[in-house]
Amino acid sequence: MYAPQLVGERVRTLTRVVPNIDRLAMALNGNNTNNAVQFELLRSEARGLGVEVQPLDIRRPEDVDAAFDKAAAFGAKALLNALTASSIPGVLRWPQGAAKHKLPAIYTDEEYVSAGGLMSLGPGHYEGYYGAAKYVDKILHGANPAELPIAGPTQFTMSVNRAALGKLGLSLPPDLSARVDQWID
């Protein structure tokens, strides 16, 4: 469910929604090596768009406020998160921190949007749940796990919070608005 191609898609989406982005911050968990890989993907994508990036290492709930202060000092105009950074306790405080700092953010999961975040683009959870159940069923019926193919996500969900969009004074271009799978009020 990692979907590394979505890092670039999230950056491109932010640059279309937020005017004049020249600096982005990524919330990540420095204890997770996968987050460092995602940050390098972000750096590569952003470089091609002329955007500077900064990591925000958040390992504990107490790190959230300091991370937003660091993003503000850097001059970040938007935020995104690394996928597995969601393992940090208190992660759903991020949308409140972003709102407090008037920092538009695109997240990996719809839960952030339900908690007041601006938008998310990520693999649908249900596809992963159903896919895992299918694997378990095959294994219980005698399949060798080592012989089962690796399956990546094929469905991606975009969620947008109308209230957050309005509070930030932003709007979606018509083609992005048409892509929204779930509007949250």
N, C-alpha and C. Protein backbone atom coordinates (compact mmCIF):
# COMPACT_ATOMS: atom_id res chain seq x y z
N MET A 1 0.82 -1.19 0.00
CA MET A 1 0.00 0.00 0.00
C MET A 1 0.86 1.27 0.00
N TYR A 2 2.15 1.10 -0.17
CA TYR A 2 3.10 2.21 -0.13
C TYR A 2 2.86 3.21 -1.26
N ALA A 3 2.64 2.74 -2.49
CA ALA A 3 2.34 3.58 -3.65
C ALA A 3 3.28 4.78 -3.78
N PRO A 4 4.58 4.54 -3.99
CA PRO A 4 5.54 5.65 -4.05
C PRO A 4 5.22 6.67 -5.14
N GLN A 5 4.53 6.25 -6.20
CA GLN A 5 4.20 7.18 -7.27
C GLN A 5 3.28 8.30 -6.79
N LEU A 6 2.62 8.10 -5.66
CA LEU A 6 1.72 9.13 -5.16
C LEU A 6 2.44 10.31 -4.53
N VAL A 7 3.70 10.15 -4.15
CA VAL A 7 4.45 11.28 -3.59
C VAL A 7 4.49 12.41 -4.62
N GLY A 8 4.87 12.08 -5.85
CA GLY A 8 4.91 13.08 -6.91
C GLY A 8 3.54 13.62 -7.25
N GLU A 9 2.54 12.77 -7.26
CA GLU A 9 1.18 13.20 -7.56
C GLU A 9 0.67 14.16 -6.49
N ARG A 10 1.00 13.90 -5.24
CA ARG A 10 0.58 14.81 -4.17
C ARG A 10 1.25 16.18 -4.32
N VAL A 11 2.54 16.19 -4.67
CA VAL A 11 3.24 17.47 -4.87
C VAL A 11 2.61 18.24 -6.02
N ARG A 12 2.37 17.56 -7.13
CA ARG A 12 1.77 18.23 -8.29
C ARG A 12 0.37 18.75 -7.96
N THR A 13 -0.38 18.01 -7.17
CA THR A 13 -1.71 18.45 -6.76
C THR A 13 -1.61 19.72 -5.91
N LEU A 14 -0.70 19.72 -4.95
CA LEU A 14 -0.52 20.91 -4.11
C LEU A 14 -0.14 22.13 -4.94
N THR A 15 0.75 21.95 -5.92
CA THR A 15 1.18 23.11 -6.72
C THR A 15 0.04 23.65 -7.57
N ARG A 16 -0.98 22.85 -7.81
CA ARG A 16 -2.13 23.32 -8.58
C ARG A 16 -3.16 24.00 -7.69
N VAL A 17 -3.18 23.65 -6.42
CA VAL A 17 -4.19 24.18 -5.51
C VAL A 17 -3.68 25.41 -4.75
N VAL A 18 -2.42 25.39 -4.37
CA VAL A 18 -1.84 26.46 -3.56
C VAL A 18 -0.95 27.32 -4.46
N PRO A 19 -1.29 28.60 -4.59
CA PRO A 19 -0.51 29.47 -5.47
C PRO A 19 0.93 29.68 -4.97
N ASN A 20 1.84 29.76 -5.90
CA ASN A 20 3.24 30.17 -5.63
C ASN A 20 3.97 29.32 -4.60
N ILE A 21 3.79 28.02 -4.66
CA ILE A 21 4.54 27.16 -3.73
C ILE A 21 6.01 27.16 -4.15
N ASP A 22 6.87 27.54 -3.21
CA ASP A 22 8.30 27.44 -3.47
C ASP A 22 8.99 26.62 -2.37
N ARG A 23 8.23 26.32 -1.29
CA ARG A 23 8.78 25.52 -0.19
C ARG A 23 7.70 24.60 0.37
N LEU A 24 8.08 23.36 0.56
CA LEU A 24 7.19 22.34 1.11
C LEU A 24 7.87 21.68 2.30
N ALA A 25 7.07 21.23 3.24
CA ALA A 25 7.59 20.44 4.35
C ALA A 25 6.91 19.08 4.34
N MET A 26 7.65 18.05 4.77
CA MET A 26 7.09 16.71 4.87
C MET A 26 7.21 16.22 6.30
N ALA A 27 6.06 15.90 6.90
CA ALA A 27 6.04 15.30 8.23
C ALA A 27 6.40 13.83 8.07
N LEU A 28 7.38 13.40 8.84
CA LEU A 28 7.82 12.01 8.75
C LEU A 28 8.31 11.53 10.10
N ASN A 29 8.48 10.22 10.20
CA ASN A 29 9.00 9.60 11.40
C ASN A 29 10.42 9.17 11.11
N GLY A 30 11.41 9.87 11.67
CA GLY A 30 12.80 9.57 11.41
C GLY A 30 13.24 8.19 11.86
N ASN A 31 12.44 7.52 12.68
CA ASN A 31 12.76 6.15 13.08
C ASN A 31 12.43 5.13 11.99
N ASN A 32 11.72 5.55 10.96
CA ASN A 32 11.27 4.63 9.92
C ASN A 32 12.08 4.87 8.65
N THR A 33 12.88 3.90 8.24
CA THR A 33 13.73 4.08 7.05
C THR A 33 12.91 4.30 5.79
N ASN A 34 11.71 3.77 5.74
CA ASN A 34 10.84 3.99 4.58
C ASN A 34 10.51 5.46 4.42
N ASN A 35 10.39 6.18 5.53
CA ASN A 35 10.08 7.62 5.45
C ASN A 35 11.21 8.39 4.79
N ALA A 36 12.45 7.99 5.03
CA ALA A 36 13.59 8.65 4.38
C ALA A 36 13.54 8.45 2.87
N VAL A 37 13.13 7.28 2.43
CA VAL A 37 12.99 7.01 0.99
C VAL A 37 11.90 7.91 0.40
N GLN A 38 10.79 8.05 1.12
CA GLN A 38 9.72 8.91 0.63
C GLN A 38 10.16 10.36 0.56
N PHE A 39 10.95 10.79 1.54
CA PHE A 39 11.45 12.17 1.51
C PHE A 39 12.36 12.38 0.30
N GLU A 40 13.17 11.42 -0.04
CA GLU A 40 14.04 11.55 -1.22
C GLU A 40 13.21 11.59 -2.50
N LEU A 41 12.12 10.83 -2.54
CA LEU A 41 11.20 10.92 -3.69
C LEU A 41 10.61 12.33 -3.77
N LEU A 42 10.22 12.87 -2.62
CA LEU A 42 9.70 14.24 -2.58
C LEU A 42 10.75 15.22 -3.07
N ARG A 43 11.97 15.10 -2.58
CA ARG A 43 13.04 16.01 -2.97
C ARG A 43 13.24 15.98 -4.49
N SER A 44 13.24 14.81 -5.06
CA SER A 44 13.44 14.65 -6.51
C SER A 44 12.29 15.30 -7.29
N GLU A 45 11.06 15.00 -6.88
CA GLU A 45 9.90 15.59 -7.57
C GLU A 45 9.88 17.10 -7.43
N ALA A 46 10.13 17.59 -6.22
CA ALA A 46 10.07 19.02 -5.96
C ALA A 46 11.16 19.77 -6.71
N ARG A 47 12.34 19.18 -6.79
CA ARG A 47 13.46 19.83 -7.51
C ARG A 47 13.04 20.14 -8.94
N GLY A 48 12.36 19.20 -9.59
CA GLY A 48 11.90 19.41 -10.95
C GLY A 48 10.88 20.53 -11.08
N LEU A 49 10.23 20.87 -9.98
CA LEU A 49 9.23 21.95 -9.98
C LEU A 49 9.79 23.25 -9.40
N GLY A 50 11.08 23.24 -9.05
CA GLY A 50 11.69 24.43 -8.46
C GLY A 50 11.24 24.70 -7.04
N VAL A 51 10.94 23.64 -6.30
CA VAL A 51 10.43 23.77 -4.94
C VAL A 51 11.45 23.19 -3.96
N GLU A 52 11.75 23.95 -2.89
CA GLU A 52 12.62 23.47 -1.82
C GLU A 52 11.79 22.66 -0.83
N VAL A 53 12.42 21.66 -0.21
CA VAL A 53 11.70 20.82 0.75
C VAL A 53 12.47 20.72 2.06
N GLN A 54 11.72 20.44 3.13
CA GLN A 54 12.32 20.25 4.44
C GLN A 54 11.60 19.12 5.17
N PRO A 55 12.36 18.21 5.79
CA PRO A 55 11.71 17.17 6.60
C PRO A 55 11.32 17.71 7.96
N LEU A 56 10.22 17.21 8.50
CA LEU A 56 9.78 17.52 9.85
C LEU A 56 9.74 16.20 10.60
N ASP A 57 10.76 15.94 11.37
CA ASP A 57 10.88 14.67 12.07
C ASP A 57 9.98 14.67 13.31
N ILE A 58 8.93 13.88 13.25
CA ILE A 58 7.96 13.80 14.34
C ILE A 58 7.93 12.34 14.82
N ARG A 59 8.46 12.13 16.00
CA ARG A 59 8.52 10.76 16.54
C ARG A 59 7.57 10.55 17.70
N ARG A 60 7.15 11.65 18.35
CA ARG A 60 6.26 11.57 19.50
C ARG A 60 5.21 12.67 19.37
N PRO A 61 4.08 12.51 20.02
CA PRO A 61 3.06 13.57 19.95
C PRO A 61 3.60 14.93 20.37
N GLU A 62 4.56 14.94 21.29
CA GLU A 62 5.12 16.21 21.77
C GLU A 62 5.90 16.94 20.68
N ASP A 63 6.27 16.25 19.60
CA ASP A 63 7.06 16.85 18.53
C ASP A 63 6.22 17.64 17.53
N VAL A 64 4.89 17.48 17.57
CA VAL A 64 4.02 18.06 16.54
C VAL A 64 4.11 19.58 16.50
N ASP A 65 3.94 20.24 17.64
CA ASP A 65 3.95 21.71 17.65
C ASP A 65 5.30 22.27 17.18
N ALA A 66 6.38 21.68 17.66
CA ALA A 66 7.72 22.14 17.26
C ALA A 66 7.93 21.94 15.76
N ALA A 67 7.36 20.86 15.21
CA ALA A 67 7.51 20.61 13.77
C ALA A 67 6.80 21.70 12.96
N PHE A 68 5.62 22.12 13.40
CA PHE A 68 4.92 23.18 12.68
C PHE A 68 5.65 24.52 12.82
N ASP A 69 6.25 24.76 13.97
CA ASP A 69 7.06 25.96 14.13
C ASP A 69 8.26 25.93 13.18
N LYS A 70 8.87 24.77 13.03
CA LYS A 70 10.00 24.60 12.11
C LYS A 70 9.56 24.84 10.66
N ALA A 71 8.38 24.32 10.30
CA ALA A 71 7.85 24.54 8.95
C ALA A 71 7.61 26.02 8.70
N ALA A 72 7.08 26.72 9.69
CA ALA A 72 6.84 28.16 9.55
C ALA A 72 8.15 28.92 9.40
N ALA A 73 9.14 28.56 10.20
CA ALA A 73 10.44 29.22 10.12
C ALA A 73 11.11 28.98 8.76
N PHE A 74 10.88 27.82 8.20
CA PHE A 74 11.41 27.47 6.88
C PHE A 74 10.69 28.24 5.77
N GLY A 75 9.47 28.68 6.06
CA GLY A 75 8.68 29.37 5.05
C GLY A 75 7.87 28.42 4.20
N ALA A 76 7.58 27.24 4.73
CA ALA A 76 6.79 26.26 3.99
C ALA A 76 5.42 26.84 3.66
N LYS A 77 4.99 26.62 2.43
CA LYS A 77 3.68 27.10 2.02
C LYS A 77 2.66 25.96 1.97
N ALA A 78 3.14 24.73 2.19
CA ALA A 78 2.25 23.57 2.22
C ALA A 78 2.98 22.41 2.89
N LEU A 79 2.21 21.38 3.19
CA LEU A 79 2.72 20.23 3.94
C LEU A 79 2.18 18.95 3.33
N LEU A 80 2.98 17.91 3.40
CA LEU A 80 2.49 16.56 3.14
C LEU A 80 3.14 15.64 4.14
N ASN A 81 2.62 14.43 4.25
CA ASN A 81 3.17 13.50 5.22
C ASN A 81 3.68 12.25 4.52
N ALA A 82 4.67 11.62 5.15
CA ALA A 82 5.15 10.33 4.67
C ALA A 82 4.13 9.27 5.09
N LEU A 83 3.97 8.28 4.26
CA LEU A 83 2.92 7.29 4.47
C LEU A 83 2.96 6.66 5.85
N THR A 84 4.06 6.07 6.23
CA THR A 84 4.09 5.34 7.50
C THR A 84 4.34 6.23 8.69
N ALA A 85 4.38 7.53 8.49
CA ALA A 85 4.48 8.44 9.63
C ALA A 85 3.23 8.35 10.49
N SER A 86 2.17 7.76 9.93
CA SER A 86 0.92 7.65 10.67
C SER A 86 1.03 6.73 11.88
N SER A 87 2.16 6.05 12.02
CA SER A 87 2.34 5.17 13.18
C SER A 87 2.66 5.97 14.45
N ILE A 88 2.82 7.27 14.34
CA ILE A 88 3.14 8.11 15.50
C ILE A 88 1.86 8.38 16.29
N PRO A 89 1.86 8.14 17.59
CA PRO A 89 0.68 8.48 18.39
C PRO A 89 0.36 9.97 18.27
N GLY A 90 -0.90 10.30 18.24
CA GLY A 90 -1.31 11.69 18.16
C GLY A 90 -1.26 12.26 16.75
N VAL A 91 -1.13 11.38 15.75
CA VAL A 91 -0.97 11.83 14.37
C VAL A 91 -2.16 12.66 13.89
N LEU A 92 -3.33 12.40 14.42
CA LEU A 92 -4.49 13.16 13.95
C LEU A 92 -4.52 14.58 14.51
N ARG A 93 -3.50 14.95 15.28
CA ARG A 93 -3.33 16.35 15.70
C ARG A 93 -2.74 17.18 14.56
N TRP A 94 -2.15 16.53 13.57
CA TRP A 94 -1.52 17.25 12.46
C TRP A 94 -2.49 18.19 11.75
N PRO A 95 -3.72 17.75 11.43
CA PRO A 95 -4.62 18.70 10.76
C PRO A 95 -4.91 19.95 11.58
N GLN A 96 -4.99 19.80 12.90
CA GLN A 96 -5.22 20.98 13.74
C GLN A 96 -4.00 21.89 13.71
N GLY A 97 -2.80 21.32 13.73
CA GLY A 97 -1.58 22.13 13.64
C GLY A 97 -1.48 22.85 12.30
N ALA A 98 -1.84 22.15 11.23
CA ALA A 98 -1.81 22.77 9.90
C ALA A 98 -2.82 23.91 9.83
N ALA A 99 -4.01 23.70 10.39
CA ALA A 99 -5.02 24.75 10.38
C ALA A 99 -4.56 25.96 11.20
N LYS A 100 -3.98 25.70 12.35
CA LYS A 100 -3.49 26.77 13.22
C LYS A 100 -2.46 27.64 12.50
N HIS A 101 -1.61 27.01 11.71
CA HIS A 101 -0.55 27.73 10.99
C HIS A 101 -0.97 28.11 9.56
N LYS A 102 -2.26 27.87 9.24
CA LYS A 102 -2.79 28.18 7.89
C LYS A 102 -1.90 27.57 6.81
N LEU A 103 -1.57 26.30 7.03
CA LEU A 103 -0.68 25.56 6.15
C LEU A 103 -1.48 24.51 5.39
N PRO A 104 -1.73 24.72 4.10
CA PRO A 104 -2.46 23.70 3.33
C PRO A 104 -1.67 22.39 3.33
N ALA A 105 -2.39 21.28 3.44
CA ALA A 105 -1.71 19.98 3.50
C ALA A 105 -2.48 18.94 2.71
N ILE A 106 -1.73 18.07 2.06
CA ILE A 106 -2.29 16.90 1.43
C ILE A 106 -1.73 15.70 2.17
N TYR A 107 -2.62 14.83 2.59
CA TYR A 107 -2.25 13.69 3.42
C TYR A 107 -2.37 12.37 2.64
N THR A 108 -1.90 11.32 3.28
CA THR A 108 -1.93 10.00 2.67
C THR A 108 -3.26 9.29 2.87
N ASP A 109 -4.01 9.68 3.89
CA ASP A 109 -5.22 8.95 4.25
C ASP A 109 -6.39 9.87 4.54
N GLU A 110 -7.57 9.37 4.27
CA GLU A 110 -8.81 10.09 4.47
C GLU A 110 -9.04 10.47 5.93
N GLU A 111 -8.49 9.71 6.87
CA GLU A 111 -8.69 9.99 8.29
C GLU A 111 -8.23 11.39 8.66
N TYR A 112 -7.17 11.87 8.03
CA TYR A 112 -6.67 13.22 8.29
C TYR A 112 -7.70 14.26 7.84
N VAL A 113 -8.34 14.01 6.73
CA VAL A 113 -9.35 14.92 6.19
C VAL A 113 -10.58 14.94 7.10
N SER A 114 -10.97 13.77 7.57
CA SER A 114 -12.09 13.69 8.52
C SER A 114 -11.77 14.42 9.82
N ALA A 115 -10.48 14.51 10.16
CA ALA A 115 -10.05 15.20 11.38
C ALA A 115 -9.84 16.70 11.14
N GLY A 116 -10.21 17.20 9.95
CA GLY A 116 -10.12 18.62 9.67
C GLY A 116 -9.06 19.01 8.66
N GLY A 117 -8.29 18.03 8.15
CA GLY A 117 -7.26 18.31 7.16
C GLY A 117 -7.85 18.71 5.82
N LEU A 118 -7.03 19.32 4.99
CA LEU A 118 -7.50 19.83 3.70
C LEU A 118 -7.86 18.73 2.71
N MET A 119 -6.90 17.86 2.38
CA MET A 119 -7.17 16.85 1.36
C MET A 119 -6.25 15.66 1.55
N SER A 120 -6.63 14.56 0.91
CA SER A 120 -5.78 13.37 0.93
C SER A 120 -5.84 12.71 -0.43
N LEU A 121 -4.77 12.01 -0.75
CA LEU A 121 -4.71 11.18 -1.94
C LEU A 121 -3.94 9.93 -1.54
N GLY A 122 -4.61 8.81 -1.57
CA GLY A 122 -3.95 7.59 -1.16
C GLY A 122 -4.68 6.35 -1.61
N PRO A 123 -4.04 5.22 -1.40
CA PRO A 123 -4.70 3.96 -1.72
C PRO A 123 -5.93 3.79 -0.85
N GLY A 124 -6.97 3.26 -1.42
CA GLY A 124 -8.16 2.99 -0.62
C GLY A 124 -7.88 1.88 0.38
N HIS A 125 -8.26 2.10 1.63
CA HIS A 125 -8.01 1.08 2.66
C HIS A 125 -8.73 -0.23 2.35
N TYR A 126 -9.93 -0.13 1.83
CA TYR A 126 -10.71 -1.34 1.63
C TYR A 126 -10.05 -2.28 0.63
N GLU A 127 -9.40 -1.75 -0.37
CA GLU A 127 -8.70 -2.60 -1.32
C GLU A 127 -7.63 -3.41 -0.60
N GLY A 128 -6.89 -2.78 0.29
CA GLY A 128 -5.86 -3.49 1.05
C GLY A 128 -6.47 -4.54 1.97
N TYR A 129 -7.56 -4.19 2.62
CA TYR A 129 -8.21 -5.14 3.53
C TYR A 129 -8.72 -6.35 2.76
N TYR A 130 -9.42 -6.09 1.64
CA TYR A 130 -9.95 -7.21 0.85
C TYR A 130 -8.83 -8.03 0.23
N GLY A 131 -7.78 -7.34 -0.22
CA GLY A 131 -6.64 -8.06 -0.80
C GLY A 131 -5.97 -8.96 0.22
N ALA A 132 -5.81 -8.46 1.44
CA ALA A 132 -5.21 -9.27 2.50
C ALA A 132 -6.08 -10.48 2.82
N ALA A 133 -7.39 -10.26 2.85
CA ALA A 133 -8.31 -11.38 3.12
C ALA A 133 -8.21 -12.44 2.02
N LYS A 134 -8.05 -12.01 0.78
CA LYS A 134 -7.90 -12.98 -0.32
C LYS A 134 -6.62 -13.78 -0.17
N TYR A 135 -5.53 -13.11 0.24
CA TYR A 135 -4.27 -13.82 0.48
C TYR A 135 -4.43 -14.86 1.59
N VAL A 136 -5.06 -14.44 2.70
CA VAL A 136 -5.27 -15.36 3.82
C VAL A 136 -6.10 -16.55 3.37
N ASP A 137 -7.14 -16.30 2.59
CA ASP A 137 -7.99 -17.39 2.09
C ASP A 137 -7.17 -18.37 1.25
N LYS A 138 -6.33 -17.86 0.38
CA LYS A 138 -5.50 -18.73 -0.46
C LYS A 138 -4.53 -19.55 0.39
N ILE A 139 -3.95 -18.92 1.38
CA ILE A 139 -3.00 -19.62 2.26
C ILE A 139 -3.73 -20.69 3.06
N LEU A 140 -4.90 -20.36 3.58
CA LEU A 140 -5.67 -21.35 4.34
C LEU A 140 -6.13 -22.51 3.47
N HIS A 141 -6.20 -22.28 2.18
CA HIS A 141 -6.58 -23.34 1.25
C HIS A 141 -5.36 -24.00 0.61
N GLY A 142 -4.19 -23.82 1.21
CA GLY A 142 -3.01 -24.57 0.80
C GLY A 142 -1.98 -23.85 -0.06
N ALA A 143 -2.20 -22.60 -0.41
CA ALA A 143 -1.23 -21.89 -1.24
C ALA A 143 0.04 -21.62 -0.44
N ASN A 144 1.16 -21.66 -1.13
CA ASN A 144 2.44 -21.34 -0.51
C ASN A 144 2.61 -19.83 -0.55
N PRO A 145 2.74 -19.15 0.61
CA PRO A 145 2.87 -17.69 0.62
C PRO A 145 4.02 -17.18 -0.27
N ALA A 146 5.10 -17.94 -0.35
CA ALA A 146 6.26 -17.51 -1.15
C ALA A 146 5.95 -17.51 -2.64
N GLU A 147 4.91 -18.21 -3.03
CA GLU A 147 4.56 -18.29 -4.45
C GLU A 147 3.46 -17.31 -4.84
N LEU A 148 2.88 -16.62 -3.88
CA LEU A 148 1.82 -15.66 -4.19
C LEU A 148 2.44 -14.38 -4.74
N PRO A 149 1.82 -13.79 -5.76
CA PRO A 149 2.37 -12.55 -6.33
C PRO A 149 2.22 -11.37 -5.36
N ILE A 150 3.14 -10.45 -5.47
CA ILE A 150 3.04 -9.21 -4.70
C ILE A 150 2.00 -8.33 -5.39
N ALA A 151 1.09 -7.82 -4.61
CA ALA A 151 0.02 -6.99 -5.18
C ALA A 151 0.12 -5.58 -4.62
N GLY A 152 0.14 -4.62 -5.50
CA GLY A 152 0.14 -3.22 -5.09
C GLY A 152 -1.25 -2.64 -5.27
N PRO A 153 -1.47 -1.46 -4.76
CA PRO A 153 -2.78 -0.84 -4.88
C PRO A 153 -3.09 -0.44 -6.32
N THR A 154 -4.34 -0.53 -6.66
CA THR A 154 -4.79 -0.12 -7.99
C THR A 154 -5.85 0.97 -7.92
N GLN A 155 -6.40 1.19 -6.72
CA GLN A 155 -7.43 2.20 -6.54
C GLN A 155 -6.89 3.30 -5.63
N PHE A 156 -7.08 4.54 -6.05
CA PHE A 156 -6.61 5.67 -5.26
C PHE A 156 -7.78 6.59 -5.00
N THR A 157 -7.86 7.07 -3.77
CA THR A 157 -8.99 7.87 -3.34
C THR A 157 -8.54 9.29 -3.01
N MET A 158 -9.28 10.27 -3.53
CA MET A 158 -9.02 11.66 -3.18
C MET A 158 -10.19 12.15 -2.33
N SER A 159 -9.85 12.67 -1.16
CA SER A 159 -10.84 13.24 -0.24
C SER A 159 -10.49 14.70 -0.01
N VAL A 160 -11.52 15.53 0.09
CA VAL A 160 -11.30 16.97 0.31
C VAL A 160 -12.30 17.47 1.34
N ASN A 161 -11.81 18.29 2.26
CA ASN A 161 -12.63 18.89 3.30
C ASN A 161 -13.04 20.28 2.84
N ARG A 162 -14.33 20.46 2.56
CA ARG A 162 -14.84 21.75 2.07
C ARG A 162 -14.57 22.89 3.05
N ALA A 163 -14.78 22.62 4.34
CA ALA A 163 -14.58 23.67 5.35
C ALA A 163 -13.12 24.12 5.38
N ALA A 164 -12.19 23.16 5.34
CA ALA A 164 -10.76 23.52 5.35
C ALA A 164 -10.40 24.30 4.09
N LEU A 165 -10.94 23.91 2.96
CA LEU A 165 -10.69 24.60 1.70
C LEU A 165 -11.13 26.07 1.82
N GLY A 166 -12.34 26.27 2.38
CA GLY A 166 -12.85 27.63 2.55
C GLY A 166 -12.04 28.45 3.54
N LYS A 167 -11.64 27.85 4.66
CA LYS A 167 -10.87 28.57 5.67
C LYS A 167 -9.52 29.01 5.13
N LEU A 168 -8.96 28.24 4.20
CA LEU A 168 -7.67 28.60 3.62
C LEU A 168 -7.82 29.51 2.40
N GLY A 169 -9.08 29.77 2.00
CA GLY A 169 -9.32 30.63 0.85
C GLY A 169 -8.85 30.00 -0.46
N LEU A 170 -8.93 28.69 -0.54
CA LEU A 170 -8.47 27.98 -1.74
C LEU A 170 -9.65 27.39 -2.49
N SER A 171 -9.41 27.06 -3.74
CA SER A 171 -10.41 26.34 -4.52
C SER A 171 -9.67 25.33 -5.40
N LEU A 172 -10.39 24.32 -5.81
CA LEU A 172 -9.80 23.31 -6.67
C LEU A 172 -10.06 23.64 -8.12
N PRO A 173 -9.08 23.45 -8.98
CA PRO A 173 -9.36 23.57 -10.42
C PRO A 173 -10.45 22.55 -10.79
N PRO A 174 -11.25 22.85 -11.79
CA PRO A 174 -12.37 21.96 -12.14
C PRO A 174 -11.97 20.50 -12.37
N ASP A 175 -10.83 20.25 -13.01
CA ASP A 175 -10.46 18.85 -13.26
C ASP A 175 -10.12 18.12 -11.96
N LEU A 176 -9.51 18.81 -10.99
CA LEU A 176 -9.23 18.19 -9.69
C LEU A 176 -10.52 17.98 -8.92
N SER A 177 -11.41 18.95 -8.98
CA SER A 177 -12.70 18.83 -8.30
C SER A 177 -13.46 17.62 -8.82
N ALA A 178 -13.37 17.36 -10.10
CA ALA A 178 -14.05 16.21 -10.70
C ALA A 178 -13.44 14.89 -10.25
N ARG A 179 -12.18 14.90 -9.81
CA ARG A 179 -11.50 13.69 -9.35
C ARG A 179 -11.81 13.31 -7.91
N VAL A 180 -12.42 14.24 -7.16
CA VAL A 180 -12.67 14.00 -5.74
C VAL A 180 -13.66 12.85 -5.59
N ASP A 181 -13.26 11.86 -4.80
CA ASP A 181 -14.12 10.71 -4.52
C ASP A 181 -15.01 10.96 -3.32
N GLN A 182 -14.51 11.77 -2.39
CA GLN A 182 -15.24 11.99 -1.13
C GLN A 182 -15.07 13.44 -0.68
N TRP A 183 -16.20 14.15 -0.60
CA TRP A 183 -16.21 15.50 -0.06
C TRP A 183 -16.63 15.40 1.40
N ILE A 184 -15.88 16.04 2.28
CA ILE A 184 -16.21 16.04 3.70
C ILE A 184 -16.54 17.46 4.10
N ASP A 185 -17.64 17.63 4.80
CA ASP A 185 -18.09 18.96 5.22
C ASP A 185 -17.70 19.25 6.65
